[in-house]
N, C-alpha and C. Protein backbone atom coordinates (compact mmCIF):
# COMPACT_ATOMS: atom_id res chain seq x y z
N MET A 1 -7.76 7.16 6.82
CA MET A 1 -6.43 7.12 6.26
C MET A 1 -5.98 8.55 6.00
N GLU A 2 -4.75 8.81 6.37
CA GLU A 2 -4.14 10.11 6.10
C GLU A 2 -3.09 9.92 5.01
N ILE A 3 -3.11 10.80 4.00
CA ILE A 3 -2.13 10.73 2.92
C ILE A 3 -1.49 12.10 2.77
N LYS A 4 -0.16 12.10 2.72
CA LYS A 4 0.56 13.35 2.52
C LYS A 4 1.88 13.07 1.83
N LYS A 5 2.46 14.11 1.26
CA LYS A 5 3.77 14.00 0.64
C LYS A 5 4.81 14.08 1.75
N ILE A 6 5.81 13.22 1.67
CA ILE A 6 6.90 13.28 2.64
C ILE A 6 7.80 14.44 2.24
N PRO A 7 8.06 15.37 3.16
CA PRO A 7 8.90 16.53 2.82
C PRO A 7 10.26 16.11 2.26
N ASP A 8 10.71 16.83 1.24
CA ASP A 8 12.03 16.63 0.61
C ASP A 8 12.18 15.28 -0.08
N ARG A 9 11.07 14.60 -0.37
CA ARG A 9 11.12 13.32 -1.07
C ARG A 9 9.95 13.27 -2.05
N ASP A 10 10.14 12.55 -3.14
CA ASP A 10 9.05 12.32 -4.08
C ASP A 10 8.33 11.02 -3.72
N VAL A 11 7.81 11.01 -2.50
CA VAL A 11 7.12 9.83 -1.96
C VAL A 11 5.88 10.31 -1.22
N LEU A 12 4.77 9.62 -1.47
CA LEU A 12 3.56 9.84 -0.70
C LEU A 12 3.55 8.87 0.48
N GLN A 13 3.00 9.31 1.59
CA GLN A 13 2.85 8.43 2.75
C GLN A 13 1.37 8.28 3.05
N ALA A 14 0.91 7.05 3.09
CA ALA A 14 -0.47 6.74 3.43
C ALA A 14 -0.46 5.98 4.75
N VAL A 15 -1.14 6.52 5.75
CA VAL A 15 -1.14 5.90 7.07
C VAL A 15 -2.53 5.32 7.34
N TYR A 16 -2.57 4.00 7.50
CA TYR A 16 -3.83 3.32 7.81
C TYR A 16 -4.28 3.67 9.21
N ASP A 17 -5.59 3.76 9.39
CA ASP A 17 -6.17 3.94 10.72
C ASP A 17 -6.19 2.60 11.43
N GLN A 18 -6.31 2.65 12.74
CA GLN A 18 -6.35 1.45 13.54
C GLN A 18 -7.65 0.69 13.27
N GLY A 19 -7.58 -0.60 13.36
CA GLY A 19 -8.78 -1.41 13.25
C GLY A 19 -8.77 -2.34 12.06
N GLU A 20 -9.87 -3.05 11.92
CA GLU A 20 -10.01 -4.03 10.85
C GLU A 20 -10.21 -3.33 9.51
N THR A 21 -9.67 -3.91 8.46
CA THR A 21 -9.80 -3.35 7.12
C THR A 21 -10.82 -4.18 6.35
N SER A 22 -11.95 -3.59 6.10
CA SER A 22 -13.02 -4.27 5.36
C SER A 22 -12.89 -3.99 3.87
N ARG A 23 -13.65 -4.70 3.07
CA ARG A 23 -13.69 -4.46 1.63
C ARG A 23 -14.07 -3.01 1.35
N GLU A 24 -15.07 -2.52 2.06
CA GLU A 24 -15.55 -1.16 1.86
C GLU A 24 -14.48 -0.13 2.20
N ASN A 25 -13.79 -0.35 3.31
CA ASN A 25 -12.71 0.56 3.71
C ASN A 25 -11.59 0.54 2.69
N LEU A 26 -11.23 -0.63 2.20
CA LEU A 26 -10.16 -0.73 1.21
C LEU A 26 -10.53 -0.01 -0.09
N LEU A 27 -11.78 -0.11 -0.49
CA LEU A 27 -12.23 0.59 -1.69
C LEU A 27 -12.08 2.10 -1.51
N ALA A 28 -12.53 2.61 -0.36
CA ALA A 28 -12.41 4.05 -0.09
C ALA A 28 -10.95 4.47 -0.02
N GLN A 29 -10.11 3.64 0.58
CA GLN A 29 -8.70 3.96 0.70
C GLN A 29 -8.00 3.93 -0.66
N ARG A 30 -8.37 2.99 -1.52
CA ARG A 30 -7.81 2.96 -2.88
C ARG A 30 -8.14 4.26 -3.62
N GLU A 31 -9.36 4.73 -3.46
CA GLU A 31 -9.76 5.98 -4.10
C GLU A 31 -8.95 7.15 -3.57
N GLN A 32 -8.75 7.20 -2.27
CA GLN A 32 -7.94 8.28 -1.67
C GLN A 32 -6.52 8.25 -2.22
N VAL A 33 -5.92 7.09 -2.28
CA VAL A 33 -4.55 6.96 -2.78
C VAL A 33 -4.49 7.35 -4.25
N ALA A 34 -5.45 6.89 -5.06
CA ALA A 34 -5.47 7.24 -6.48
C ALA A 34 -5.58 8.75 -6.67
N GLU A 35 -6.42 9.40 -5.89
CA GLU A 35 -6.57 10.86 -5.98
C GLU A 35 -5.28 11.57 -5.58
N ALA A 36 -4.61 11.08 -4.54
CA ALA A 36 -3.35 11.69 -4.10
C ALA A 36 -2.26 11.51 -5.15
N ILE A 37 -2.19 10.32 -5.75
CA ILE A 37 -1.20 10.06 -6.80
C ILE A 37 -1.42 11.04 -7.95
N ALA A 38 -2.67 11.19 -8.36
CA ALA A 38 -2.98 12.11 -9.46
C ALA A 38 -2.71 13.56 -9.06
N GLY A 39 -3.08 13.92 -7.85
CA GLY A 39 -2.90 15.30 -7.39
C GLY A 39 -1.46 15.73 -7.25
N TYR A 40 -0.63 14.85 -6.72
CA TYR A 40 0.78 15.17 -6.51
C TYR A 40 1.66 14.77 -7.70
N GLY A 41 1.17 13.85 -8.52
CA GLY A 41 1.98 13.36 -9.63
C GLY A 41 3.15 12.50 -9.15
N ILE A 42 2.98 11.86 -8.02
CA ILE A 42 4.03 11.03 -7.41
C ILE A 42 3.62 9.57 -7.56
N ARG A 43 4.57 8.72 -7.98
CA ARG A 43 4.29 7.31 -8.27
C ARG A 43 4.93 6.35 -7.25
N LYS A 44 5.35 6.88 -6.11
CA LYS A 44 5.92 6.05 -5.05
C LYS A 44 5.12 6.29 -3.78
N VAL A 45 4.67 5.19 -3.15
CA VAL A 45 3.80 5.29 -1.99
C VAL A 45 4.35 4.44 -0.85
N LEU A 46 4.56 5.07 0.28
CA LEU A 46 4.93 4.39 1.51
C LEU A 46 3.63 4.19 2.29
N VAL A 47 3.25 2.95 2.52
CA VAL A 47 2.02 2.63 3.24
C VAL A 47 2.39 2.20 4.64
N ASP A 48 1.95 2.97 5.63
CA ASP A 48 2.20 2.63 7.03
C ASP A 48 1.01 1.83 7.53
N ALA A 49 1.20 0.53 7.65
CA ALA A 49 0.13 -0.37 8.10
C ALA A 49 0.36 -0.85 9.52
N THR A 50 1.23 -0.16 10.27
CA THR A 50 1.58 -0.62 11.61
C THR A 50 0.43 -0.49 12.60
N ALA A 51 -0.55 0.36 12.34
CA ALA A 51 -1.68 0.51 13.26
C ALA A 51 -2.71 -0.60 13.11
N LEU A 52 -2.64 -1.34 12.00
CA LEU A 52 -3.59 -2.43 11.80
C LEU A 52 -3.27 -3.58 12.73
N GLY A 53 -4.27 -4.19 13.30
CA GLY A 53 -4.03 -5.36 14.13
C GLY A 53 -3.50 -6.52 13.31
N ALA A 54 -4.06 -6.67 12.12
CA ALA A 54 -3.63 -7.72 11.19
C ALA A 54 -4.07 -7.31 9.79
N PHE A 55 -3.45 -7.89 8.81
CA PHE A 55 -3.85 -7.65 7.43
C PHE A 55 -5.21 -8.29 7.20
N PRO A 56 -5.91 -7.85 6.18
CA PRO A 56 -7.20 -8.48 5.87
C PRO A 56 -7.03 -9.96 5.52
N SER A 57 -8.15 -10.65 5.47
CA SER A 57 -8.12 -12.07 5.11
C SER A 57 -7.55 -12.24 3.70
N SER A 58 -7.15 -13.44 3.39
CA SER A 58 -6.57 -13.72 2.07
C SER A 58 -7.52 -13.37 0.92
N PRO A 59 -8.81 -13.73 0.99
CA PRO A 59 -9.70 -13.36 -0.12
C PRO A 59 -9.84 -11.84 -0.30
N VAL A 60 -9.90 -11.11 0.80
CA VAL A 60 -10.01 -9.65 0.73
C VAL A 60 -8.71 -9.06 0.18
N THR A 61 -7.58 -9.56 0.62
CA THR A 61 -6.29 -9.10 0.11
C THR A 61 -6.16 -9.35 -1.38
N LEU A 62 -6.53 -10.54 -1.81
CA LEU A 62 -6.47 -10.88 -3.23
C LEU A 62 -7.37 -9.93 -4.04
N GLU A 63 -8.58 -9.73 -3.58
CA GLU A 63 -9.51 -8.83 -4.27
C GLU A 63 -8.94 -7.42 -4.36
N HIS A 64 -8.32 -6.97 -3.28
CA HIS A 64 -7.71 -5.63 -3.24
C HIS A 64 -6.59 -5.52 -4.29
N ASN A 65 -5.71 -6.51 -4.34
CA ASN A 65 -4.60 -6.46 -5.30
C ASN A 65 -5.08 -6.61 -6.74
N VAL A 66 -6.12 -7.39 -6.96
CA VAL A 66 -6.70 -7.50 -8.30
C VAL A 66 -7.27 -6.14 -8.72
N SER A 67 -7.94 -5.48 -7.80
CA SER A 67 -8.51 -4.16 -8.11
C SER A 67 -7.42 -3.15 -8.44
N ILE A 68 -6.32 -3.16 -7.70
CA ILE A 68 -5.21 -2.25 -7.98
C ILE A 68 -4.61 -2.56 -9.35
N SER A 69 -4.42 -3.84 -9.63
CA SER A 69 -3.76 -4.21 -10.89
C SER A 69 -4.62 -3.88 -12.12
N SER A 70 -5.92 -3.83 -11.95
CA SER A 70 -6.79 -3.56 -13.10
C SER A 70 -7.16 -2.08 -13.23
N ASP A 71 -6.66 -1.25 -12.32
CA ASP A 71 -6.97 0.18 -12.34
C ASP A 71 -5.79 0.94 -12.95
N PRO A 72 -5.97 1.54 -14.12
CA PRO A 72 -4.85 2.21 -14.79
C PRO A 72 -4.24 3.36 -13.99
N ARG A 73 -4.95 3.87 -13.00
CA ARG A 73 -4.39 4.95 -12.17
C ARG A 73 -3.21 4.47 -11.34
N PHE A 74 -3.09 3.14 -11.17
CA PHE A 74 -2.00 2.59 -10.36
C PHE A 74 -0.87 2.00 -11.19
N TYR A 75 -0.97 2.04 -12.52
CA TYR A 75 0.09 1.50 -13.36
C TYR A 75 1.39 2.24 -13.08
N GLY A 76 2.45 1.47 -12.83
CA GLY A 76 3.77 2.05 -12.60
C GLY A 76 4.00 2.58 -11.20
N VAL A 77 3.05 2.42 -10.31
CA VAL A 77 3.20 2.90 -8.93
C VAL A 77 3.94 1.84 -8.11
N MET A 78 4.86 2.29 -7.28
CA MET A 78 5.58 1.41 -6.36
C MET A 78 4.99 1.58 -4.97
N PHE A 79 4.73 0.46 -4.30
CA PHE A 79 4.18 0.47 -2.95
C PHE A 79 5.14 -0.21 -1.99
N ALA A 80 5.58 0.50 -0.96
CA ALA A 80 6.35 -0.09 0.14
C ALA A 80 5.44 -0.07 1.36
N VAL A 81 5.18 -1.23 1.93
CA VAL A 81 4.26 -1.35 3.05
C VAL A 81 5.05 -1.64 4.32
N VAL A 82 4.89 -0.78 5.31
CA VAL A 82 5.57 -0.98 6.59
C VAL A 82 4.59 -1.70 7.52
N CYS A 83 5.02 -2.88 7.99
CA CYS A 83 4.18 -3.76 8.82
C CYS A 83 4.87 -3.98 10.17
N ASN A 84 4.14 -4.57 11.07
CA ASN A 84 4.71 -4.92 12.36
C ASN A 84 5.57 -6.18 12.30
N GLU A 85 5.24 -7.05 11.35
CA GLU A 85 5.99 -8.29 11.19
C GLU A 85 5.93 -8.74 9.74
N LEU A 86 6.79 -9.65 9.39
CA LEU A 86 6.78 -10.23 8.04
C LEU A 86 6.47 -11.71 8.16
N GLY A 87 5.21 -12.01 8.03
CA GLY A 87 4.75 -13.40 8.12
C GLY A 87 4.05 -13.80 6.84
N GLU A 88 3.25 -14.85 6.95
CA GLU A 88 2.55 -15.38 5.78
C GLU A 88 1.61 -14.38 5.14
N ARG A 89 0.87 -13.62 5.94
CA ARG A 89 -0.08 -12.64 5.37
C ARG A 89 0.65 -11.56 4.59
N GLU A 90 1.76 -11.09 5.13
CA GLU A 90 2.51 -10.03 4.46
C GLU A 90 3.12 -10.56 3.15
N ARG A 91 3.62 -11.76 3.17
CA ARG A 91 4.17 -12.35 1.95
C ARG A 91 3.07 -12.62 0.93
N PHE A 92 1.87 -12.94 1.41
CA PHE A 92 0.73 -13.12 0.51
C PHE A 92 0.39 -11.80 -0.18
N VAL A 93 0.45 -10.70 0.56
CA VAL A 93 0.22 -9.37 -0.03
C VAL A 93 1.21 -9.14 -1.17
N GLU A 94 2.48 -9.40 -0.90
CA GLU A 94 3.51 -9.21 -1.93
C GLU A 94 3.27 -10.12 -3.14
N THR A 95 3.06 -11.39 -2.87
CA THR A 95 2.94 -12.37 -3.96
C THR A 95 1.73 -12.10 -4.83
N THR A 96 0.58 -11.84 -4.21
CA THR A 96 -0.61 -11.59 -5.02
C THR A 96 -0.50 -10.29 -5.79
N GLY A 97 0.22 -9.34 -5.25
CA GLY A 97 0.46 -8.10 -5.99
C GLY A 97 1.42 -8.32 -7.14
N LEU A 98 2.55 -8.91 -6.85
CA LEU A 98 3.56 -9.12 -7.89
C LEU A 98 3.05 -10.01 -9.01
N ASN A 99 2.22 -11.00 -8.68
CA ASN A 99 1.64 -11.87 -9.71
C ASN A 99 0.71 -11.11 -10.64
N ARG A 100 0.32 -9.91 -10.24
CA ARG A 100 -0.57 -9.08 -11.04
C ARG A 100 0.11 -7.79 -11.49
N ALA A 101 1.44 -7.80 -11.51
CA ALA A 101 2.26 -6.67 -11.97
C ALA A 101 2.11 -5.42 -11.09
N VAL A 102 1.81 -5.62 -9.81
CA VAL A 102 1.80 -4.51 -8.85
C VAL A 102 3.15 -4.56 -8.13
N THR A 103 3.91 -3.48 -8.22
CA THR A 103 5.22 -3.42 -7.56
C THR A 103 4.98 -3.10 -6.09
N ILE A 104 5.11 -4.14 -5.25
CA ILE A 104 4.80 -4.00 -3.83
C ILE A 104 5.78 -4.84 -3.02
N ARG A 105 6.21 -4.27 -1.90
CA ARG A 105 7.10 -5.02 -1.01
C ARG A 105 6.80 -4.61 0.42
N CYS A 106 6.86 -5.57 1.33
CA CYS A 106 6.59 -5.32 2.75
C CYS A 106 7.90 -5.24 3.53
N PHE A 107 7.91 -4.38 4.52
CA PHE A 107 9.08 -4.14 5.37
C PHE A 107 8.62 -3.99 6.82
N THR A 108 9.55 -4.17 7.74
CA THR A 108 9.27 -3.86 9.14
C THR A 108 9.99 -2.58 9.55
N SER A 109 10.73 -1.99 8.64
CA SER A 109 11.48 -0.77 8.91
C SER A 109 11.10 0.32 7.91
N ARG A 110 10.72 1.47 8.42
CA ARG A 110 10.39 2.62 7.57
C ARG A 110 11.60 3.04 6.76
N ARG A 111 12.75 3.05 7.38
CA ARG A 111 13.99 3.44 6.70
C ARG A 111 14.26 2.53 5.50
N GLU A 112 14.17 1.23 5.69
CA GLU A 112 14.40 0.28 4.60
C GLU A 112 13.36 0.44 3.50
N ALA A 113 12.13 0.70 3.88
CA ALA A 113 11.07 0.89 2.90
C ALA A 113 11.35 2.12 2.04
N LEU A 114 11.77 3.22 2.67
CA LEU A 114 12.09 4.43 1.91
C LEU A 114 13.31 4.22 1.01
N GLU A 115 14.31 3.51 1.49
CA GLU A 115 15.49 3.22 0.67
C GLU A 115 15.08 2.42 -0.57
N TRP A 116 14.19 1.45 -0.39
CA TRP A 116 13.75 0.63 -1.52
C TRP A 116 12.98 1.49 -2.54
N LEU A 117 12.16 2.39 -2.06
CA LEU A 117 11.40 3.26 -2.97
C LEU A 117 12.29 4.19 -3.76
N GLU A 118 13.38 4.61 -3.17
CA GLU A 118 14.26 5.58 -3.84
C GLU A 118 15.37 4.86 -4.55
């Protein structure tokens, strides 16, 4: 995963690598994002998930969102996730996050995702 500040915006961009997202990978990626949030002091994150073939399974997604919601480093952070499509898995990501007070929304357009964050 590559994480950087988007020039001229108070938004971090996290780009997922291609391939399957395992529990272990998600844990490492959460740590990277938490470190970037702390390092930059930015509370808005654009997650580019377009390289993923598919989102993780429902149990892995739920576990991931529970971990984010219980980690104080993520309190008040907004996540806009850019996906290839908006189907059941993407809506599950949103719902399980929102049910745990994680501000997260999925988009198929980078422009719309950035507009929502700002």
